[in-house]
Amino acid sequence: VSIHNLMIDGELALAAHYQDGVRVIDLGNPRAPTTRAWFNTWPGPAAGYGESFYEGAVGIDYEPGRRRLYVADSHRGLLVLALAP
């Protein structure tokens, strides 16, 4: 599983991580980044899944003012996620 799409907003890194979902990483301490949020979009090997390495969260966009993540997922389509304060 690799990171496909990465965005940086201030001290946050937001990543579409294919079969490992979406990750929000706090870069406030660059020597010790920490995972702040994670959402797994991929259900694992099931009917219709697991046929390609390039499955799951393939794209991400972030709307900072509303703290919303827009995730393009190869099976689920568009997901809109809210990032807690």
Protein backbone atom coordinates (compact mmCIF):
# COMPACT_ATOMS: atom_id res chain seq x y z
CA VAL A 1 0.00 0.00 0.00
CA SER A 2 1.44 3.35 -0.94
CA ILE A 3 0.45 7.00 -0.68
CA HIS A 4 -1.10 8.19 -3.92
CA ASN A 5 -2.09 11.77 -3.27
CA LEU A 6 -0.65 14.07 -0.61
CA MET A 7 -1.65 17.60 0.42
CA ILE A 8 -0.15 19.90 3.03
CA ASP A 9 -2.17 22.57 4.85
CA GLY A 10 -0.18 24.34 7.56
CA GLU A 11 0.80 21.66 10.04
CA LEU A 12 -1.46 19.00 8.53
CA ALA A 13 -0.56 16.44 5.88
CA LEU A 14 -3.56 14.78 4.23
CA ALA A 15 -3.02 11.59 2.26
CA ALA A 16 -5.06 9.27 0.07
CA HIS A 17 -3.44 5.95 0.89
CA TYR A 18 -5.06 3.51 -1.57
CA GLN A 19 -6.04 0.38 0.37
CA ASP A 20 -5.12 1.97 3.68
CA GLY A 21 -7.75 4.71 3.38
CA VAL A 22 -7.26 8.36 4.26
CA ARG A 23 -4.76 9.69 6.79
CA VAL A 24 -4.41 13.09 8.43
CA ILE A 25 -0.98 13.57 9.95
CA ASP A 26 -0.03 16.33 12.39
CA LEU A 27 3.34 17.81 11.42
CA GLY A 28 3.47 20.23 14.38
CA ASN A 29 6.59 18.42 15.58
CA PRO A 30 8.39 17.48 12.35
CA ARG A 31 10.68 15.09 14.23
CA ALA A 32 7.70 13.12 15.51
CA PRO A 33 4.70 13.37 13.16
CA THR A 34 1.54 11.78 14.57
CA THR A 35 -1.59 10.39 12.98
CA ARG A 36 -4.46 12.68 13.88
CA ALA A 37 -7.24 10.94 11.94
CA TRP A 38 -7.72 7.86 9.78
CA PHE A 39 -10.64 6.51 7.78
CA ASN A 40 -10.38 3.17 6.01
CA THR A 41 -12.35 3.21 2.77
CA TRP A 42 -11.33 -0.26 1.60
CA PRO A 43 -13.17 -3.30 3.05
CA GLY A 44 -10.37 -5.75 2.37
CA PRO A 45 -10.40 -8.77 0.12
CA ALA A 46 -14.04 -9.31 -0.75
CA ALA A 47 -16.09 -9.85 -3.89
CA GLY A 48 -15.05 -7.23 -6.42
CA TYR A 49 -12.08 -6.05 -4.34
CA GLY A 50 -8.45 -7.08 -4.36
CA GLU A 51 -8.11 -7.27 -8.13
CA SER A 52 -5.65 -4.40 -8.40
CA PHE A 53 -3.00 -2.66 -6.33
CA TYR A 54 -4.62 0.67 -7.25
CA GLU A 55 -7.86 0.35 -5.26
CA GLY A 56 -9.38 2.34 -2.45
CA ALA A 57 -8.68 6.02 -1.77
CA VAL A 58 -7.12 7.33 -4.98
CA GLY A 59 -7.54 11.08 -4.56
CA ILE A 60 -8.07 13.71 -1.89
CA ASP A 61 -8.93 17.38 -1.63
CA TYR A 62 -9.31 19.54 1.47
CA GLU A 63 -11.51 22.54 2.21
CA PRO A 64 -9.77 24.16 5.22
CA GLY A 65 -12.51 26.67 6.09
CA ARG A 66 -15.10 23.92 6.50
CA ARG A 67 -12.56 21.27 7.57
CA ARG A 68 -13.89 18.82 5.00
CA LEU A 69 -12.02 16.13 3.14
CA TYR A 70 -13.23 15.06 -0.28
CA VAL A 71 -12.03 11.56 -1.10
CA ALA A 72 -12.23 9.82 -4.47
CA ASP A 73 -12.54 6.09 -3.84
CA SER A 74 -12.30 3.53 -6.63
CA HIS A 75 -15.25 1.49 -5.31
CA ARG A 76 -17.32 3.84 -3.14
CA GLY A 77 -17.13 6.96 -5.31
CA LEU A 78 -16.98 10.38 -3.64
CA LEU A 79 -16.77 10.45 0.16
CA VAL A 80 -17.10 13.68 2.15
CA LEU A 81 -15.49 13.50 5.60
CA ALA A 82 -15.47 16.15 8.34
CA LEU A 83 -12.26 16.72 10.27
CA ALA A 84 -12.94 17.35 13.95
CA PRO A 85 -11.40 20.51 15.45
